Protein backbone atom coordinates (compact mmCIF):
# COMPACT_ATOMS: atom_id res chain seq x y z
CA MET A 1 180.51 128.55 131.47
CA LEU A 2 181.19 126.04 128.47
CA SER A 3 183.90 124.33 130.27
CA ILE A 4 181.50 123.91 133.46
CA ILE A 5 178.77 122.43 130.94
CA LEU A 6 181.21 120.06 129.12
CA ALA A 7 182.73 118.91 132.51
CA PHE A 8 179.05 118.18 133.65
CA PHE A 9 178.30 116.17 130.66
CA SER A 10 181.75 114.39 131.04
CA ILE A 11 180.86 113.22 134.41
CA VAL A 12 177.08 112.29 133.41
CA SER A 13 178.39 110.29 130.61
CA SER A 14 181.06 108.30 132.76
CA ALA A 15 178.03 107.46 135.19
CA VAL A 16 175.80 106.44 132.53
CA ALA A 17 178.36 104.17 130.70
CA HIS A 18 179.24 102.50 134.28
CA GLU A 19 175.74 101.83 135.34
CA HIS A 20 174.51 100.08 132.09
CA GLN A 21 177.22 97.80 131.00
CA GLY A 22 175.59 94.89 129.06
CA ASP A 23 172.41 94.54 127.05
CA PRO A 24 171.14 98.08 126.51
CA SER A 25 167.41 96.92 126.21
CA VAL A 26 167.85 95.73 129.89
CA PHE A 27 168.99 99.30 130.64
CA LEU A 28 166.30 100.95 128.66
CA SER A 29 163.28 98.49 130.17
CA ALA A 30 164.45 99.24 133.59
CA GLN A 31 163.81 102.64 133.75
CA GLY A 32 160.33 102.54 135.69
CA PRO A 33 159.93 103.71 139.26
CA HIS A 34 159.19 100.20 140.19
CA LYS A 35 159.60 96.41 139.16
CA GLN A 36 157.06 95.03 136.58
CA SER A 37 155.26 93.11 139.25
CA PHE A 38 153.89 96.49 140.35
CA TRP A 39 152.08 96.86 137.15
CA TYR A 40 151.36 94.91 133.84
CA ASN A 41 153.68 96.19 131.21
CA SER A 42 152.53 93.46 128.55
CA LEU A 43 149.42 94.44 126.98
CA PRO A 44 146.82 92.01 126.13
CA GLY A 45 145.27 91.28 122.83
CA ASP A 46 148.05 92.29 119.90
CA GLY A 47 150.70 92.98 122.35
CA GLY A 48 153.02 96.04 122.79
CA THR A 49 153.79 97.47 126.23
CA GLN A 50 152.78 100.59 128.22
CA ALA A 51 154.12 102.13 131.21
CA ASP A 52 152.96 102.58 134.67
CA SER A 53 149.81 104.84 134.97
CA VAL A 54 150.12 107.74 132.53
CA PHE A 55 149.54 110.51 135.35
CA SER A 56 152.54 109.43 137.29
CA GLY A 57 156.27 109.12 136.94
CA ILE A 58 158.87 111.26 134.84
CA THR A 59 157.35 112.73 131.77
CA THR A 60 159.02 111.67 128.30
CA PHE A 61 157.30 112.00 124.99
CA GLY A 62 154.65 109.39 124.79
CA ARG A 63 156.11 107.80 127.95
CA LEU A 64 159.12 106.53 125.67
CA PRO A 65 162.34 105.56 127.18
CA TYR A 66 164.72 108.29 128.11
CA PHE A 67 168.49 108.47 127.60
CA PRO A 68 170.91 111.47 127.93
CA CYS A 69 172.09 111.06 124.25
CA LEU A 70 174.10 114.46 124.42
CA SER A 71 176.26 113.12 127.15
CA SER A 72 176.50 109.60 126.03
CA SER A 73 176.51 107.71 122.86
CA ALA A 74 176.04 104.30 124.23
CA GLU A 75 172.39 104.00 123.10
CA ALA A 76 171.63 103.76 119.28
CA PHE A 77 168.29 104.98 118.18
CA ASP A 78 166.31 105.17 114.89
CA ILE A 79 164.31 108.14 116.00
CA ALA A 80 165.00 110.60 118.64
CA PHE A 81 162.69 113.33 120.32
CA LEU A 82 165.12 116.28 121.15
CA GLY A 83 163.97 119.48 122.78
CA ALA A 84 165.11 122.93 121.90
CA PRO A 85 163.94 125.41 124.54
CA PHE A 86 164.50 128.70 122.49
CA ASP A 87 162.14 131.53 122.25
CA THR A 88 164.16 134.68 122.00
CA GLY A 89 163.67 134.77 118.36
CA THR A 90 159.86 135.50 118.76
CA SER A 91 158.35 138.88 117.64
CA TYR A 92 155.21 138.80 119.82
CA ARG A 93 154.44 136.50 122.66
CA PRO A 94 157.41 134.63 124.03
CA GLY A 95 157.32 131.43 126.23
CA ALA A 96 157.94 128.69 123.57
CA ARG A 97 161.04 127.62 125.73
CA PHE A 98 158.65 125.75 127.78
CA GLY A 99 157.38 124.08 124.37
CA PRO A 100 159.49 120.93 124.82
CA SER A 101 158.38 120.34 128.55
CA GLY A 102 154.48 121.16 127.47
CA ILE A 103 154.38 118.84 124.53
CA ARG A 104 155.77 115.97 126.80
CA GLN A 105 153.29 116.69 129.21
CA GLY A 106 150.45 116.83 126.59
CA SER A 107 151.99 113.21 125.17
CA ARG A 108 151.11 111.21 128.23
CA ARG A 109 148.08 109.54 126.87
CA LEU A 110 149.56 108.69 123.64
CA ASN A 111 150.22 104.77 124.27
CA LEU A 112 147.64 104.59 127.29
CA TYR A 113 146.09 101.74 125.17
CA GLY A 114 149.28 100.70 123.38
CA GLY A 115 149.98 103.10 120.78
CA TYR A 116 148.30 101.60 117.65
CA ASN A 117 147.44 104.16 115.08
CA VAL A 118 144.36 102.97 113.26
CA PRO A 119 144.51 105.10 110.19
CA LEU A 120 148.21 104.21 109.49
CA ASP A 121 147.83 100.88 110.48
CA VAL A 122 151.07 101.06 112.59
CA ASN A 123 152.21 101.26 116.13
CA PRO A 124 155.22 103.36 116.16
CA PHE A 125 155.82 102.65 119.93
CA ASN A 126 155.99 98.75 119.04
CA SER A 127 157.86 98.45 115.69
CA TRP A 128 161.21 97.79 114.12
CA ALA A 129 162.53 101.22 115.22
CA ARG A 130 163.94 102.11 118.54
CA VAL A 131 162.51 105.56 119.61
CA LEU A 132 164.08 107.49 122.42
CA ASP A 133 163.47 110.61 124.24
CA CYS A 134 166.90 112.21 124.31
CA GLY A 135 165.98 115.30 126.48
CA ASP A 136 166.67 118.91 125.76
CA ILE A 137 169.47 120.70 124.21
CA PRO A 138 171.12 122.94 126.60
CA VAL A 139 170.38 126.57 125.40
CA THR A 140 171.40 129.93 126.66
CA SER A 141 168.64 132.63 127.02
CA TYR A 142 171.05 135.22 126.84
CA ASP A 143 173.00 135.19 123.72
CA ASN A 144 170.95 134.29 120.39
CA THR A 145 174.02 133.89 118.37
CA TYR A 146 175.31 131.22 120.76
CA ALA A 147 172.17 129.45 121.19
CA ILE A 148 171.79 128.93 117.54
CA ARG A 149 175.07 127.45 117.39
CA GLN A 150 174.26 125.20 120.41
CA ILE A 151 171.26 124.08 118.71
CA GLU A 152 172.96 123.17 115.46
CA GLN A 153 175.96 121.41 117.44
CA GLY A 154 173.25 119.45 119.43
CA HIS A 155 171.20 118.58 116.36
CA GLN A 156 174.22 117.19 114.52
CA ALA A 157 175.53 115.27 117.33
CA LEU A 158 172.78 112.97 117.44
CA LEU A 159 172.02 113.27 113.45
CA SER A 160 175.44 112.09 112.63
CA ARG A 161 175.43 108.84 114.55
CA SER A 162 174.73 105.07 113.28
CA PRO A 163 171.12 104.25 113.98
CA PHE A 164 170.02 101.26 115.79
CA THR A 165 168.62 99.52 112.74
CA ASN A 166 170.59 99.00 109.16
CA SER A 167 173.47 101.09 110.49
CA SER A 168 175.61 99.19 108.07
CA VAL A 169 173.21 99.50 105.23
CA PRO A 170 173.90 102.30 102.41
CA GLY A 171 171.41 105.36 102.78
CA PRO A 172 170.65 108.56 101.34
CA SER A 173 173.11 110.92 103.30
CA ILE A 174 176.09 112.56 101.41
CA SER A 175 178.29 110.15 103.15
CA GLY A 176 176.27 107.18 101.83
CA ARG A 177 175.34 106.33 105.34
CA THR A 178 171.98 105.28 106.85
CA LEU A 179 171.33 108.02 109.57
CA PRO A 180 168.79 108.21 112.58
CA ARG A 181 165.72 110.71 112.30
CA ILE A 182 165.55 113.44 114.65
CA ILE A 183 161.92 115.04 115.82
CA THR A 184 162.78 118.37 117.51
CA LEU A 185 160.41 119.92 119.94
CA GLY A 186 160.51 123.53 119.88
CA GLY A 187 161.19 126.33 120.43
CA ASP A 188 160.25 129.25 118.47
CA HIS A 189 160.50 128.72 114.68
CA THR A 190 164.24 130.37 114.83
CA ILE A 191 165.43 126.89 115.74
CA VAL A 192 164.86 125.64 112.22
CA LEU A 193 167.70 127.50 110.69
CA PRO A 194 170.49 125.82 112.93
CA ILE A 195 168.67 122.56 112.39
CA LEU A 196 168.83 122.95 108.52
CA ARG A 197 172.54 123.88 108.86
CA SER A 198 172.91 120.47 110.64
CA ILE A 199 170.74 118.80 108.09
CA HIS A 200 172.97 120.42 105.33
CA LYS A 201 176.22 118.82 106.42
CA SER A 202 174.77 115.31 106.15
CA TYR A 203 172.15 115.51 103.44
CA GLY A 204 173.11 118.67 101.47
CA PRO A 205 170.18 121.07 100.00
CA ILE A 206 167.07 119.78 101.44
CA THR A 207 163.49 120.00 100.53
CA VAL A 208 161.22 121.39 103.18
CA ILE A 209 157.33 121.08 103.87
CA HIS A 210 156.37 123.96 106.04
CA PHE A 211 153.15 124.06 107.90
CA ASP A 212 152.45 127.62 109.09
CA SER A 213 150.11 130.68 109.01
CA HIS A 214 153.25 132.72 108.41
CA LEU A 215 155.77 132.77 105.38
CA ASP A 216 158.86 133.01 107.56
CA THR A 217 160.62 134.01 104.24
CA TRP A 218 160.77 137.66 104.94
CA LYS A 219 163.75 139.76 104.35
CA PRO A 220 165.48 140.98 107.68
CA GLN A 221 164.90 144.86 106.76
CA VAL A 222 160.99 143.92 106.39
CA PHE A 223 160.58 141.74 109.43
CA GLY A 224 162.36 143.40 112.40
CA GLY A 225 164.27 145.87 110.72
CA ALA A 226 167.70 144.23 111.09
CA PRO A 227 169.18 146.43 113.77
CA SER A 228 171.92 144.18 113.93
CA LYS A 229 173.17 140.64 112.76
CA THR A 230 171.88 139.02 115.58
CA ALA A 231 168.22 140.75 115.49
CA ALA A 232 168.44 139.82 111.73
CA ILE A 233 167.87 136.10 112.47
CA ASN A 234 164.41 135.62 114.14
CA HIS A 235 161.23 133.38 113.78
CA GLY A 236 160.30 135.44 110.62
CA THR A 237 163.25 135.53 108.77
CA TYR A 238 165.14 132.05 109.17
CA PHE A 239 164.05 130.52 105.65
CA TYR A 240 165.36 133.77 104.23
CA HIS A 241 168.66 132.99 105.49
CA ALA A 242 168.55 129.28 104.99
CA ALA A 243 168.01 130.45 100.86
CA GLN A 244 170.80 132.87 101.04
CA GLU A 245 172.88 130.06 102.70
CA GLY A 246 171.97 127.39 100.13
CA LEU A 247 170.40 124.95 102.53
CA LEU A 248 167.21 124.50 100.48
CA LYS A 249 166.88 122.38 97.37
CA ASN A 250 165.75 124.88 94.70
CA ASP A 251 162.12 124.97 93.89
CA SER A 252 160.86 121.94 95.87
CA ASN A 253 159.76 123.64 99.01
CA ILE A 254 156.30 124.52 99.97
CA HIS A 255 154.33 126.25 102.67
CA ALA A 256 150.84 125.13 103.93
CA GLY A 257 148.17 126.76 105.89
CA ILE A 258 149.29 130.23 105.03
CA ARG A 259 146.98 133.04 105.91
CA THR A 260 149.03 135.80 107.49
CA THR A 261 148.84 139.67 106.69
CA LEU A 262 151.82 140.94 104.25
CA SER A 263 153.62 144.11 104.00
CA GLY A 264 152.33 143.87 100.27
CA PRO A 265 152.54 141.62 97.48
CA SER A 266 156.20 141.81 97.05
CA ASP A 267 156.27 139.48 100.32
CA TYR A 268 155.14 136.59 97.72
CA THR A 269 157.59 137.45 95.32
CA ASN A 270 160.52 137.16 97.83
CA ASP A 271 159.15 134.06 99.06
CA ARG A 272 159.47 132.45 95.44
CA TYR A 273 162.71 133.66 95.20
CA CYS A 274 163.44 131.50 98.50
CA GLY A 275 162.40 128.69 96.59
CA PHE A 276 159.06 128.18 98.01
CA THR A 277 155.37 127.94 96.46
CA LEU A 278 152.40 127.97 98.95
CA ILE A 279 149.01 126.69 100.07
CA GLU A 280 146.74 129.07 101.69
CA ALA A 281 144.57 127.93 104.65
CA ARG A 282 141.29 128.86 102.67
CA GLU A 283 142.05 126.37 99.74
CA ILE A 284 140.94 123.57 102.14
CA ASP A 285 137.43 125.22 101.41
CA THR A 286 137.41 124.31 97.83
CA ILE A 287 139.98 121.47 97.45
CA GLY A 288 139.37 119.70 100.69
CA VAL A 289 142.11 117.67 102.78
CA GLN A 290 143.09 115.53 99.77
CA GLY A 291 143.52 118.40 97.44
CA ILE A 292 146.03 119.89 100.02
CA ILE A 293 147.75 116.71 100.12
CA ASP A 294 147.82 116.31 96.28
CA LYS A 295 149.43 119.74 96.23
CA ILE A 296 152.18 118.87 98.55
CA LEU A 297 153.13 115.66 96.92
CA SER A 298 153.28 117.36 93.45
CA ARG A 299 155.73 119.46 94.80
CA VAL A 300 158.08 117.52 96.71
CA GLY A 301 157.89 114.29 95.04
CA PHE A 302 158.86 111.01 96.27
CA VAL A 303 162.63 110.76 95.71
CA ASN A 304 164.03 113.81 97.67
CA PRO A 305 165.01 113.56 101.40
CA VAL A 306 162.51 116.13 102.71
CA TYR A 307 162.41 117.93 106.14
CA LEU A 308 158.99 118.62 107.86
CA SER A 309 158.38 121.73 110.10
CA ILE A 310 155.11 122.24 111.82
CA ASP A 311 154.33 125.65 113.44
CA ILE A 312 151.24 124.90 115.70
CA ASP A 313 149.72 128.17 114.62
CA THR A 314 148.81 126.35 111.25
CA LEU A 315 145.82 125.21 113.43
CA ASP A 316 143.13 127.79 114.14
CA PRO A 317 143.32 129.44 117.83
CA ALA A 318 140.08 127.49 118.62
CA PHE A 319 142.36 124.25 118.65
CA ALA A 320 145.81 125.65 119.53
CA PRO A 321 145.59 128.90 121.43
CA GLY A 322 148.81 128.42 123.44
CA THR A 323 151.22 129.84 120.57
CA GLY A 324 153.28 133.06 119.98
CA THR A 325 151.59 134.42 116.99
CA PRO A 326 148.07 133.06 116.60
CA GLU A 327 146.03 133.80 113.40
CA THR A 328 142.45 133.04 113.12
CA GLY A 329 140.99 131.02 110.07
CA GLY A 330 143.32 127.88 110.45
CA TRP A 331 142.80 124.55 110.15
CA THR A 332 141.62 121.93 112.61
CA THR A 333 143.57 119.55 114.53
CA ARG A 334 141.64 116.63 112.35
CA GLU A 335 142.44 118.31 109.02
CA LEU A 336 146.36 118.79 109.89
CA ARG A 337 146.43 115.07 111.13
CA ALA A 338 144.80 113.86 108.22
CA ILE A 339 147.04 115.90 105.67
CA ILE A 340 150.13 114.66 107.45
CA ARG A 341 149.02 110.90 107.32
CA GLY A 342 148.56 111.54 103.28
CA LEU A 343 152.31 112.31 103.33
CA GLU A 344 153.22 108.66 104.35
CA GLU A 345 155.24 108.03 100.96
CA VAL A 346 157.43 111.05 101.44
CA ASN A 347 161.02 110.54 102.70
CA PHE A 348 161.35 112.21 105.81
CA VAL A 349 164.51 112.42 107.39
CA GLY A 350 163.58 114.94 110.13
CA ALA A 351 160.90 117.05 111.53
CA ASP A 352 160.09 119.68 114.22
CA VAL A 353 156.70 121.23 115.99
CA VAL A 354 157.45 124.62 117.19
CA GLU A 355 155.90 127.77 118.74
CA VAL A 356 153.97 125.91 121.49
CA SER A 357 153.75 128.42 124.53
CA PRO A 358 152.23 126.66 127.14
CA ALA A 359 151.47 129.81 129.32
CA TYR A 360 148.83 130.82 126.72
CA ASP A 361 147.09 127.41 126.60
CA THR A 362 143.92 126.34 128.44
CA ASN A 363 143.79 124.53 131.57
CA ALA A 364 142.69 121.24 129.37
CA GLU A 365 146.13 121.51 127.38
CA LEU A 366 144.43 121.84 123.93
CA THR A 367 147.52 123.06 122.54
CA THR A 368 150.12 120.70 123.88
CA MET A 369 147.81 117.85 123.18
CA ALA A 370 147.44 118.73 119.72
CA ALA A 371 151.04 119.22 119.16
CA ALA A 372 151.72 115.86 120.80
CA ASP A 373 149.14 114.06 118.65
CA VAL A 374 150.30 115.75 115.46
CA LEU A 375 153.81 114.32 116.30
CA PHE A 376 152.18 111.01 116.91
CA GLU A 377 151.19 111.00 113.43
CA VAL A 378 154.88 112.16 112.19
CA MET A 379 156.48 109.51 113.96
CA GLY A 380 153.76 107.05 112.65
CA VAL A 381 154.66 108.11 109.15
CA MET A 382 158.15 107.65 109.78
CA VAL A 383 157.98 104.44 111.03
CA LYS A 384 155.52 103.16 108.65
CA LYS A 385 157.98 104.19 105.88
CA GLY A 386 160.77 102.27 107.21
CA SER A 387 164.62 102.61 107.77
CA LEU A 388 166.08 105.36 105.77
CA SER A 389 168.18 102.74 104.20
CA GLY A 390 165.40 102.08 101.89
CA MET A 391 166.51 105.29 100.32
CA GLY A 392 169.73 103.96 99.54
CA ASP A 393 169.42 104.30 95.73
CA MET A 394 168.20 107.87 95.93
CA ARG A 395 171.52 109.36 96.43
CA GLY A 396 172.60 108.54 92.84
CA LYS A 397 169.16 109.64 91.47
CA ARG A 398 169.35 113.13 93.04
CA VAL A 399 172.89 113.44 91.68
CA GLU A 400 171.41 112.49 88.23
CA GLU A 401 168.54 115.15 88.45
CA GLU A 402 171.12 118.01 89.35
CA LEU A 403 173.13 117.07 86.37
């Protein structure tokens, strides 16, 4: 099976490499279904570009250029959207394997008017950064252990490449290089364990901001009973395993939006053992959006590289019903987007949105649109922060802190 997949990618890689020799921008700009004379691609006003009408054509995230990055390294990027269609680690409602395609579907209107983000004062579709949709990691649905390995290898294959911008400038990675950012479209939350393993190879222990209604640090014996090693890794235990494997930077991680029931107070004790503190969803009623932002910033700081993981069930089911384990009493889409914008000074090296299950969504695509809009804010924050080469002196500071 693996040999067939590798042979396929080899054929695709050869074909792609043959078809676009020369200026990469020419190849990327020529992927529409027709020539520019059929539709205006240059926007009036402050400029920028748009695709053909947003309800037609092949759907990528935000109508970004598509390139099969996993089968060819011919195109460099600063930010890549990468799907991880995996949902066999969920405990309740499956369906997140369709999350990547659903989120892309919900993102079609993001750059309808050019993509300028007013609150952030940035246009992530028209900036210094080259942003591509790199398609999906090929993930088996028959073997969780193998699937988790596929996700780690696929993520690392892109993360380890040189970015389009400032590729020769020092950055915060272990090797001292500047690396691109990967934004992953889930998939259930289990995918974060292989992603953190990939990030650990490039950055070492990482600080995590985790938006979710659930802790996801449960011991396997508590969440699922751990009848086997495979079953012990699921969407409620992956952070426990990450902590055990040393993937998380000690005492710098935070949950936000928590409102789950527990097996008992010991769940919170175990959560602290895993290196997290938490903000419960109900706290927004007393400290407001800015209070949530301040708590997160005081925990993660402005020095460490940070990974951002967003479970769509952070939102109340009124705003995101299409998810695997919905919990009432959550935040609104407006509140979550505002909180993310408030983190614009954080050094995000990667991010994900997970647990989007389109089968449980409404006909109006509330959940997939919410997920896409949240990622629009994430992309905007990353672009506004600039290339990770701006963190070039952070590596030494982190070493000094640990000493």
